[in-house]
Protein backbone atom coordinates (compact mmCIF):
# COMPACT_ATOMS: atom_id res chain seq x y z
CA MET A 1 25.73 -55.17 56.07
CA MET A 2 27.61 -58.28 57.29
CA LYS A 3 29.70 -58.46 54.12
CA ARG A 4 30.71 -54.82 54.56
CA LEU A 5 31.60 -55.33 58.23
CA MET A 6 33.61 -58.42 57.41
CA ARG A 7 35.50 -56.55 54.68
CA GLU A 8 36.17 -53.61 57.01
CA GLU A 9 37.55 -55.99 59.66
CA ARG A 10 39.61 -57.79 57.00
CA MET A 11 37.86 -61.07 57.66
CA PRO A 12 37.66 -63.74 54.98
CA SER A 13 34.42 -63.92 53.03
CA LEU A 14 31.91 -66.67 53.77
CA PRO A 15 32.98 -68.70 50.69
CA GLU A 16 36.62 -68.36 51.81
CA MET A 17 35.76 -69.53 55.33
CA ILE A 18 33.81 -72.49 53.97
CA ALA A 19 36.77 -73.45 51.76
CA GLN A 20 39.14 -73.18 54.74
CA ALA A 21 36.83 -75.27 56.91
CA LYS A 22 36.51 -77.97 54.24
CA ALA A 23 40.31 -78.02 53.81
CA LEU A 24 40.56 -78.73 57.54
CA GLY A 25 38.14 -81.65 57.26
CA VAL A 26 34.96 -79.98 58.48
CA ARG A 27 31.77 -81.77 57.43
CA LEU A 28 28.62 -79.74 56.89
CA VAL A 29 25.34 -81.40 57.88
CA ALA A 30 21.99 -79.87 56.97
CA CYS A 31 18.97 -80.75 59.12
CA THR A 32 16.21 -82.37 57.05
CA THR A 33 13.52 -81.36 59.55
CA THR A 34 14.46 -77.70 59.28
CA ILE A 35 14.75 -77.99 55.51
CA GLY A 36 11.19 -79.30 55.37
CA LEU A 37 9.84 -76.66 57.73
CA MET A 38 11.39 -73.91 55.65
CA GLY A 39 10.09 -75.36 52.37
CA LEU A 40 13.57 -75.88 50.97
CA LYS A 41 15.01 -78.71 48.88
CA GLU A 42 18.45 -80.31 48.94
CA GLU A 43 19.27 -78.67 45.60
CA ASP A 44 18.82 -75.25 47.28
CA PHE A 45 22.02 -75.81 49.27
CA ILE A 46 25.65 -75.17 48.43
CA PRO A 47 27.56 -78.20 47.10
CA GLU A 48 29.83 -78.15 50.15
CA VAL A 49 27.05 -79.65 52.32
CA ASP A 50 28.18 -83.22 52.99
CA LEU A 51 25.09 -84.74 54.52
CA PHE A 52 21.37 -84.12 54.78
CA ALA A 53 20.20 -85.81 57.97
CA GLY A 54 17.65 -85.89 60.72
CA ALA A 55 18.45 -85.43 64.39
CA ALA A 56 19.23 -89.09 65.12
CA THR A 57 21.75 -89.35 62.27
CA TYR A 58 23.26 -86.00 63.19
CA LEU A 59 23.71 -87.05 66.81
CA GLY A 60 25.39 -90.27 65.70
CA GLU A 61 27.78 -88.31 63.50
CA ALA A 62 28.41 -85.69 66.18
CA ARG A 63 29.17 -88.35 68.79
CA ARG A 64 32.21 -89.44 66.79
CA ALA A 65 33.43 -85.89 66.17
CA ARG A 66 36.22 -84.19 68.08
CA VAL A 67 34.46 -80.83 67.78
CA ASN A 68 30.78 -80.24 67.17
CA LEU A 69 28.83 -77.06 66.48
CA PHE A 70 25.06 -76.99 66.20
CA ILE A 71 23.84 -73.81 64.55
CA SER A 72 20.17 -73.09 64.00
């Protein structure tokens, strides 16, 4: 449904948006606590993920960032 809505609104696809974000220097951080809770492994993630980290590491990284988005 989301893919169809995005197409209808002429929005870039998720892979296109990820590529654009990476080109702008965005770093993707995956939460290791959430990964564990969901029974996932690092190899389950897209290669564009830059860092697998817990909350303390994430907060240290986010503190140095100009913009920070936390999405759960």
